[in-house]
Amino acid sequence: MQERKSFRHFEDVDVNDPNFWFKVEQTKSKVLKWNTSGKYNRVFTPEQKKMLYIFHNLPSTPEIHIGDVMRGLISSITKNEVIIDINYKDSIYVNLKSADLKIIQNLEIGDEIDVMITDIVDNPYQICGSITELIKIDVANKLKNYYHENVALVAKVTEMIPAGFMLEIEMDHINLTAFMPNTLAGVNKLTDYQSHELLGKKINVMLETLQQEKGVYVVSRKKYLQSLIPEEINKLKRDTVYSGIVTGTKDFGVFIEFNGCLTGMIHKVNINPEWQDRITSIQPGTYIEFYIRDILKGNRIILTQIPDQDSLWDTIRVGQIKNGVVKVVKPFGALVALDNETTGLIQNFYLEKAGVTLKDGDAIKVKIISVIKDDRKIYLGFPEK
């Protein structure tokens, strides 16, 4: 039969007090035991008999199953267990593990709480439960909503590994482990300095997928940063000096990351003249200053270090005749450089119509047929003879 703790003193006991059994669970006195005939194996005082009378008049615990969720009131908290009174003759015993410690710090005797049944032991009879497992289910449901609604989570970067970063997410007093691949750690590939700078920091991330690999969630800082781009672009001003970090260089320009989530490119013609002849020597991680030159379709941002310098893009008009040099001939047409930062396309239709065969490096005259500034595209033809 079930064992239950009794009071050492009963003078102040009110048998009609609904918190009576909370007090019973907290006592340190001897355990009450029943024999097979339902009689008690010891003689009790009148006060003790009152307690036993109340106990006999409590309703029997209904049939319960592992996985059921029950609500009760906390009657006892120790470093090893939490006892939850479910208003029947039985209580639920929650054996504490290290993972539960943060949870019980926020609990007090008398709190109402849900608990999941994890085991039912026959000898001696005991109902075992878990607070943590139930919270994990609630957290999993929250994460589903966060994923579908693109809600950001706060995560602490705990470790760098070759493939990326390990993170820890705290939610409802439990810790979740997450992995962030290198490719999802920033809007661009992070420099070594940026990677090491993340260690130990709390950052905003979004769930990349709900699928877990061995209990680990995959998260993306890139996804979070990209969600900020439209708002940050609206704040940009062309007469303001900005600073950013170089993420890479090409012969034609420098790529910059700035304002936390934005990326842009400075064309070679718009680089500080001191750097124009050694543009590829600019190392990733270098901080430079610049202005906003243009914002194109798809949130592409063109930057400049020479704000007052006009380029072809500022003056080009349909119908103009320009000199150009064929950069490369493709199956769909010829790409023609009009200046150091501007390229146009002669489609095959115009090549065939003019009966012209071009090769790389040819110097030619072209006519501007169409200018699509949002896409930064120029379509070319040939001047009429």
Protein backbone atom coordinates (compact mmCIF):
# COMPACT_ATOMS: atom_id res chain seq x y z
CA MET A 1 0.00 0.00 0.00
CA GLN A 2 1.00 3.62 -0.35
CA GLU A 3 3.03 5.27 2.38
CA ARG A 4 2.27 8.80 3.50
CA LYS A 5 3.95 11.21 5.92
CA SER A 6 2.18 12.40 9.08
CA PHE A 7 2.34 15.50 11.26
CA ARG A 8 4.51 15.67 14.33
CA HIS A 9 2.17 18.27 15.90
CA PHE A 10 -1.47 18.85 15.03
CA GLU A 11 -2.56 21.55 17.50
CA ASP A 12 -2.90 24.24 14.81
CA VAL A 13 -4.38 21.99 12.14
CA ASP A 14 -7.67 23.03 10.60
CA VAL A 15 -9.16 19.89 9.05
CA ASN A 16 -11.16 22.05 6.64
CA ASP A 17 -8.08 23.90 5.43
CA PRO A 18 -7.65 23.16 1.69
CA ASN A 19 -3.88 23.46 2.18
CA PHE A 20 -3.91 20.71 4.79
CA TRP A 21 -2.08 18.17 2.66
CA PHE A 22 0.59 20.68 1.69
CA LYS A 23 1.48 20.74 5.37
CA VAL A 24 1.35 16.95 5.58
CA GLU A 25 3.84 16.58 2.72
CA GLN A 26 6.30 18.95 4.42
CA THR A 27 6.46 17.13 7.77
CA LYS A 28 9.55 15.20 8.84
CA SER A 29 7.88 12.72 11.21
CA LYS A 30 7.41 8.96 10.89
CA VAL A 31 5.62 7.44 7.95
CA LEU A 32 2.06 6.17 8.29
CA LYS A 33 1.65 2.55 7.29
CA TRP A 34 -1.45 0.46 6.62
CA ASN A 35 -1.80 -3.28 6.95
CA THR A 36 -3.71 -5.50 4.56
CA SER A 37 -6.98 -5.13 6.51
CA GLY A 38 -6.90 -1.34 6.20
CA LYS A 39 -6.07 -0.89 9.92
CA TYR A 40 -3.19 1.24 11.11
CA ASN A 41 -0.22 -0.44 12.75
CA ARG A 42 0.00 2.09 15.58
CA VAL A 43 -2.21 4.03 17.99
CA PHE A 44 -2.94 7.66 17.06
CA THR A 45 -3.91 10.71 19.05
CA PRO A 46 -7.29 12.35 18.40
CA GLU A 47 -5.58 15.00 16.25
CA GLN A 48 -3.91 12.32 14.20
CA LYS A 49 -7.24 10.57 13.79
CA LYS A 50 -8.67 13.80 12.37
CA MET A 51 -5.93 13.81 9.81
CA LEU A 52 -6.56 10.19 8.89
CA TYR A 53 -10.27 10.84 8.64
CA ILE A 54 -9.60 13.56 6.10
CA PHE A 55 -7.25 11.29 4.21
CA HIS A 56 -9.87 8.51 4.00
CA ASN A 57 -12.39 11.00 2.66
CA LEU A 58 -10.16 12.24 -0.10
CA PRO A 59 -11.27 10.94 -3.53
CA SER A 60 -9.23 8.08 -4.97
CA THR A 61 -6.76 8.90 -7.66
CA PRO A 62 -8.36 8.33 -11.07
CA GLU A 63 -6.77 6.01 -13.58
CA ILE A 64 -3.76 7.74 -15.05
CA HIS A 65 -1.29 6.80 -17.77
CA ILE A 66 2.27 7.66 -18.68
CA GLY A 67 2.20 10.78 -20.85
CA ASP A 68 -0.87 12.27 -19.17
CA VAL A 69 -0.64 15.89 -18.08
CA MET A 70 -2.08 16.76 -14.69
CA ARG A 71 -2.38 20.04 -12.80
CA GLY A 72 -1.65 20.30 -9.11
CA LEU A 73 -0.24 22.44 -6.33
CA ILE A 74 3.35 22.23 -5.17
CA SER A 75 3.41 20.87 -1.62
CA SER A 76 7.16 20.36 -1.17
CA ILE A 77 10.43 21.45 -2.77
CA THR A 78 13.81 19.99 -1.85
CA LYS A 79 17.12 19.84 -3.69
CA ASN A 80 16.23 16.32 -4.85
CA GLU A 81 12.52 16.40 -5.61
CA VAL A 82 9.34 18.41 -6.01
CA ILE A 83 6.07 16.93 -4.71
CA ILE A 84 2.87 18.02 -6.41
CA ASP A 85 -0.51 17.49 -4.75
CA ILE A 86 -3.17 16.64 -7.32
CA ASN A 87 -6.03 16.75 -4.77
CA TYR A 88 -6.32 12.98 -4.55
CA LYS A 89 -4.84 10.42 -2.18
CA ASP A 90 -1.69 10.35 -4.30
CA SER A 91 0.88 12.99 -5.12
CA ILE A 92 3.25 13.22 -8.07
CA TYR A 93 6.96 13.03 -7.32
CA VAL A 94 9.37 14.87 -9.59
CA ASN A 95 12.98 13.75 -9.20
CA LEU A 96 15.20 16.70 -10.01
CA LYS A 97 18.14 16.63 -12.39
CA SER A 98 20.69 19.36 -13.06
CA ALA A 99 18.62 20.52 -16.04
CA ASP A 100 15.69 21.23 -13.69
CA LEU A 101 17.55 23.55 -11.32
CA LYS A 102 16.80 26.75 -13.23
CA ILE A 103 13.13 25.81 -13.32
CA ILE A 104 12.68 25.19 -9.58
CA GLN A 105 14.41 28.47 -8.74
CA ASN A 106 11.22 30.15 -9.94
CA LEU A 107 8.80 27.84 -8.08
CA GLU A 108 7.30 28.18 -4.61
CA ILE A 109 5.19 25.96 -2.39
CA GLY A 110 1.53 26.50 -3.24
CA ASP A 111 2.18 27.32 -6.92
CA GLU A 112 -0.19 25.72 -9.39
CA ILE A 113 1.69 23.82 -12.08
CA ASP A 114 1.27 21.27 -14.85
CA VAL A 115 3.28 18.05 -14.70
CA MET A 116 3.66 15.16 -17.16
CA ILE A 117 3.37 11.60 -15.87
CA THR A 118 6.60 9.79 -16.77
CA ASP A 119 6.34 6.56 -14.72
CA ILE A 120 4.04 4.66 -12.36
CA VAL A 121 5.88 2.42 -9.89
CA ASP A 122 4.01 -0.46 -8.23
CA ASN A 123 6.19 -1.40 -5.27
CA PRO A 124 6.14 0.88 -3.44
CA TYR A 125 3.39 2.67 -5.35
CA GLN A 126 4.52 6.04 -6.63
CA ILE A 127 3.54 8.37 -9.44
CA CYS A 128 6.56 9.98 -11.06
CA GLY A 129 6.40 13.10 -13.17
CA SER A 130 8.47 15.66 -15.01
CA ILE A 131 8.14 19.40 -15.25
CA THR A 132 10.98 19.70 -17.75
CA GLU A 133 9.53 17.30 -20.34
CA LEU A 134 6.29 19.24 -20.41
CA ILE A 135 8.14 22.52 -20.79
CA LYS A 136 10.14 20.99 -23.65
CA ILE A 137 6.89 20.22 -25.46
CA ASP A 138 5.69 23.79 -24.92
CA VAL A 139 9.04 25.11 -26.14
CA ALA A 140 8.88 22.90 -29.25
CA ASN A 141 5.44 24.33 -30.05
CA LYS A 142 6.73 27.86 -29.54
CA LEU A 143 9.64 27.18 -31.88
CA LYS A 144 7.22 26.03 -34.58
CA ASN A 145 5.48 29.39 -34.37
CA TYR A 146 8.82 31.23 -34.33
CA TYR A 147 9.89 29.36 -37.47
CA HIS A 148 6.69 29.96 -39.44
CA GLU A 149 6.45 33.63 -38.39
CA ASN A 150 10.21 34.35 -38.73
CA VAL A 151 10.56 35.50 -35.13
CA ALA A 152 14.10 36.07 -33.87
CA LEU A 153 15.65 34.17 -30.95
CA VAL A 154 18.49 35.28 -28.71
CA ALA A 155 21.36 32.77 -28.65
CA LYS A 156 24.79 32.76 -27.04
CA VAL A 157 27.74 31.66 -29.19
CA THR A 158 29.56 29.08 -27.07
CA GLU A 159 32.06 27.47 -29.45
CA MET A 160 33.68 27.73 -32.88
CA ILE A 161 34.04 24.52 -34.87
CA PRO A 162 35.36 24.04 -38.44
CA ALA A 163 31.87 23.96 -39.95
CA GLY A 164 30.45 26.88 -37.98
CA PHE A 165 29.37 27.80 -34.47
CA MET A 166 27.64 26.06 -31.55
CA LEU A 167 25.09 28.15 -29.70
CA GLU A 168 22.91 27.93 -26.60
CA ILE A 169 19.33 29.20 -26.55
CA GLU A 170 17.55 29.66 -23.20
CA MET A 171 13.77 29.49 -23.34
CA ASP A 172 11.37 29.03 -20.42
CA HIS A 173 14.33 28.16 -18.16
CA ILE A 174 15.61 25.28 -20.27
CA ASN A 175 18.67 25.34 -22.56
CA LEU A 176 18.54 24.29 -26.21
CA THR A 177 21.62 23.51 -28.29
CA ALA A 178 21.87 25.04 -31.76
CA PHE A 179 24.30 24.95 -34.68
CA MET A 180 24.97 27.83 -37.08
CA PRO A 181 26.88 26.95 -40.28
CA ASN A 182 29.59 29.36 -41.43
CA THR A 183 27.51 30.20 -44.50
CA LEU A 184 24.63 31.41 -42.29
CA ALA A 185 26.69 33.40 -39.79
CA GLY A 186 26.51 36.74 -41.61
CA VAL A 187 25.14 38.49 -44.67
CA ASN A 188 28.54 37.79 -46.26
CA LYS A 189 31.28 35.34 -45.42
CA LEU A 190 32.76 36.41 -42.10
CA THR A 191 36.38 37.42 -41.81
CA ASP A 192 38.50 35.61 -39.22
CA TYR A 193 38.27 38.68 -37.01
CA GLN A 194 34.46 38.77 -37.26
CA SER A 195 34.22 35.06 -36.48
CA HIS A 196 36.31 35.32 -33.32
CA GLU A 197 34.42 38.45 -32.34
CA LEU A 198 31.19 36.41 -32.12
CA LEU A 199 32.52 34.01 -29.46
CA GLY A 200 30.78 34.50 -26.12
CA LYS A 201 28.34 37.04 -27.53
CA LYS A 202 24.55 36.93 -27.50
CA ILE A 203 23.20 37.37 -31.03
CA ASN A 204 19.84 37.32 -32.76
CA VAL A 205 19.15 34.32 -34.98
CA MET A 206 16.23 32.68 -36.74
CA LEU A 207 15.46 29.01 -37.15
CA GLU A 208 16.69 27.74 -40.50
CA THR A 209 14.70 24.50 -40.18
CA LEU A 210 12.58 22.69 -37.60
CA GLN A 211 14.43 19.45 -38.28
CA GLN A 212 16.89 18.53 -35.56
CA GLU A 213 20.12 16.61 -35.89
CA LYS A 214 20.65 14.71 -32.64
CA GLY A 215 18.59 17.25 -30.71
CA VAL A 216 20.39 20.26 -32.20
CA TYR A 217 18.51 23.04 -34.02
CA VAL A 218 20.03 24.72 -37.08
CA VAL A 219 19.82 28.51 -36.89
CA SER A 220 20.74 31.41 -39.16
CA ARG A 221 22.04 34.85 -38.25
CA LYS A 222 22.01 35.68 -41.98
CA LYS A 223 18.25 35.15 -42.14
CA TYR A 224 17.75 37.54 -39.22
CA LEU A 225 20.05 40.20 -40.68
CA GLN A 226 18.33 39.99 -44.05
CA SER A 227 14.99 40.69 -42.37
CA LEU A 228 16.41 44.06 -41.24
CA ILE A 229 17.58 45.18 -44.70
CA PRO A 230 14.42 46.96 -45.99
CA GLU A 231 14.13 49.12 -42.88
CA GLU A 232 17.86 49.92 -42.82
CA ILE A 233 17.88 50.86 -46.51
CA ASN A 234 15.07 53.35 -45.91
CA LYS A 235 17.32 55.13 -43.40
CA LEU A 236 20.20 55.67 -45.85
CA LYS A 237 21.11 59.22 -46.94
CA ARG A 238 23.32 60.16 -49.85
CA ASP A 239 25.00 63.09 -48.09
CA THR A 240 26.12 61.05 -45.05
CA VAL A 241 29.53 59.49 -44.53
CA TYR A 242 29.30 55.78 -43.63
CA SER A 243 31.97 53.34 -42.56
CA GLY A 244 32.12 49.62 -43.15
CA ILE A 245 34.35 46.58 -43.34
CA VAL A 246 35.81 45.19 -46.56
CA THR A 247 34.61 41.62 -47.17
CA GLY A 248 36.33 41.07 -50.52
CA THR A 249 37.81 42.67 -53.63
CA LYS A 250 37.75 42.12 -57.40
CA ASP A 251 39.56 43.87 -60.24
CA PHE A 252 36.46 46.03 -60.79
CA GLY A 253 35.62 47.00 -57.22
CA VAL A 254 35.45 46.47 -53.45
CA PHE A 255 32.65 44.78 -51.50
CA ILE A 256 31.64 46.37 -48.19
CA GLU A 257 29.49 45.32 -45.23
CA PHE A 258 28.04 48.13 -43.10
CA ASN A 259 25.27 49.12 -40.68
CA GLY A 260 25.13 45.56 -39.34
CA CYS A 261 23.19 44.01 -42.22
CA LEU A 262 23.82 45.97 -45.44
CA THR A 263 26.26 45.20 -48.23
CA GLY A 264 27.40 47.35 -51.12
CA MET A 265 30.05 47.69 -53.78
CA ILE A 266 32.42 50.51 -54.64
CA HIS A 267 33.32 50.38 -58.35
CA LYS A 268 36.97 50.92 -59.16
CA VAL A 269 36.27 54.32 -60.71
CA ASN A 270 34.72 55.48 -57.42
CA ILE A 271 37.53 54.27 -55.16
CA ASN A 272 39.89 56.75 -53.55
CA PRO A 273 42.51 57.49 -56.28
CA GLU A 274 45.30 56.35 -53.97
CA TRP A 275 43.86 52.80 -54.09
CA GLN A 276 42.70 52.55 -57.70
CA ASP A 277 45.93 51.00 -58.99
CA ARG A 278 46.20 48.52 -56.12
CA ILE A 279 42.57 47.70 -55.45
CA THR A 280 43.13 43.97 -54.94
CA SER A 281 45.64 44.69 -52.19
CA ILE A 282 42.86 45.99 -49.92
CA GLN A 283 42.55 43.25 -47.31
CA PRO A 284 39.25 41.84 -46.02
CA GLY A 285 38.61 43.31 -42.58
CA THR A 286 39.84 46.78 -43.55
CA TYR A 287 37.55 49.61 -42.37
CA ILE A 288 36.87 52.33 -44.95
CA GLU A 289 34.56 55.33 -45.30
CA PHE A 290 32.20 56.01 -48.21
CA TYR A 291 28.94 57.57 -49.40
CA ILE A 292 25.77 56.04 -50.84
CA ARG A 293 25.76 56.49 -54.61
CA ASP A 294 22.73 54.51 -55.74
CA ILE A 295 20.19 51.92 -54.51
CA LEU A 296 19.13 49.45 -57.17
CA LYS A 297 16.43 46.85 -57.52
CA GLY A 298 16.88 43.86 -55.22
CA ASN A 299 18.41 46.06 -52.50
CA ARG A 300 21.73 46.31 -54.33
CA ILE A 301 23.66 49.31 -53.05
CA ILE A 302 26.31 51.18 -55.06
CA LEU A 303 28.84 53.07 -52.93
CA THR A 304 31.46 55.70 -53.67
CA GLN A 305 34.40 57.40 -52.01
CA ILE A 306 34.20 60.29 -54.51
CA PRO A 307 30.67 61.69 -53.99
CA ASP A 308 30.89 64.60 -56.46
CA GLN A 309 32.24 62.56 -59.38
CA ASP A 310 29.71 61.89 -62.12
CA SER A 311 29.77 58.53 -63.88
CA LEU A 312 28.17 57.36 -67.10
CA TRP A 313 25.18 56.18 -65.11
CA ASP A 314 24.44 59.77 -64.08
CA THR A 315 24.28 61.08 -67.66
CA ILE A 316 23.45 58.17 -69.97
CA ARG A 317 20.32 58.58 -72.13
CA VAL A 318 18.53 56.47 -74.75
CA GLY A 319 19.65 57.41 -78.26
CA GLN A 320 23.17 58.50 -77.33
CA ILE A 321 26.15 57.24 -79.33
CA LYS A 322 29.05 55.95 -77.23
CA ASN A 323 32.47 54.39 -77.76
CA GLY A 324 32.96 50.95 -76.27
CA VAL A 325 35.22 47.93 -76.12
CA VAL A 326 33.96 44.35 -76.47
CA LYS A 327 34.67 42.58 -73.19
CA VAL A 328 33.43 39.14 -74.18
CA VAL A 329 31.21 37.50 -76.78
CA LYS A 330 28.57 35.15 -75.35
CA PRO A 331 26.01 32.86 -77.02
CA PHE A 332 23.31 35.48 -76.32
CA GLY A 333 25.28 38.52 -77.51
CA ALA A 334 28.30 40.74 -76.90
CA LEU A 335 29.08 42.48 -73.61
CA VAL A 336 30.56 45.92 -74.23
CA ALA A 337 32.43 48.05 -71.67
CA LEU A 338 31.37 51.72 -71.94
CA ASP A 339 33.65 52.80 -69.08
CA ASN A 340 35.35 51.24 -66.06
CA GLU A 341 32.08 50.54 -64.23
CA THR A 342 29.47 50.34 -66.99
CA THR A 343 28.74 47.44 -69.32
CA GLY A 344 26.03 47.09 -71.95
CA LEU A 345 24.74 44.19 -74.03
CA ILE A 346 24.33 43.94 -77.81
CA GLN A 347 21.84 41.13 -78.30
CA ASN A 348 22.25 38.64 -81.15
CA PHE A 349 19.26 40.16 -82.97
CA TYR A 350 21.15 43.46 -83.47
CA LEU A 351 24.39 41.69 -84.38
CA GLU A 352 22.60 39.68 -87.08
CA LYS A 353 20.63 42.70 -88.27
CA ALA A 354 23.85 44.72 -88.72
CA GLY A 355 25.70 41.71 -90.15
CA VAL A 356 28.52 42.29 -87.68
CA THR A 357 30.86 39.68 -86.21
CA LEU A 358 32.69 40.79 -83.08
CA LYS A 359 35.55 39.43 -81.06
CA ASP A 360 36.96 40.23 -77.61
CA GLY A 361 38.82 43.53 -77.51
CA ASP A 362 37.17 45.14 -80.55
CA ALA A 363 36.67 48.91 -80.26
CA ILE A 364 33.23 49.86 -81.57
CA LYS A 365 30.62 52.61 -81.61
CA VAL A 366 27.22 51.71 -80.13
CA LYS A 367 23.82 53.31 -79.71
CA ILE A 368 21.98 53.26 -76.38
CA ILE A 369 18.68 51.44 -77.02
CA SER A 370 17.41 50.93 -73.47
CA VAL A 371 18.50 51.81 -69.91
CA ILE A 372 17.01 49.94 -66.92
CA LYS A 373 18.52 51.71 -63.92
CA ASP A 374 16.82 49.55 -61.27
CA ASP A 375 18.50 46.46 -62.72
CA ARG A 376 21.58 48.44 -63.82
CA LYS A 377 21.22 47.08 -67.35
CA ILE A 378 21.97 48.78 -70.67
CA TYR A 379 20.95 47.38 -74.06
CA LEU A 380 22.92 48.49 -77.11
CA GLY A 381 22.60 48.54 -80.87
CA PHE A 382 24.55 50.10 -83.74
CA PRO A 383 24.32 53.69 -85.01
CA GLU A 384 22.44 54.10 -88.27
CA LYS A 385 24.73 54.51 -91.24
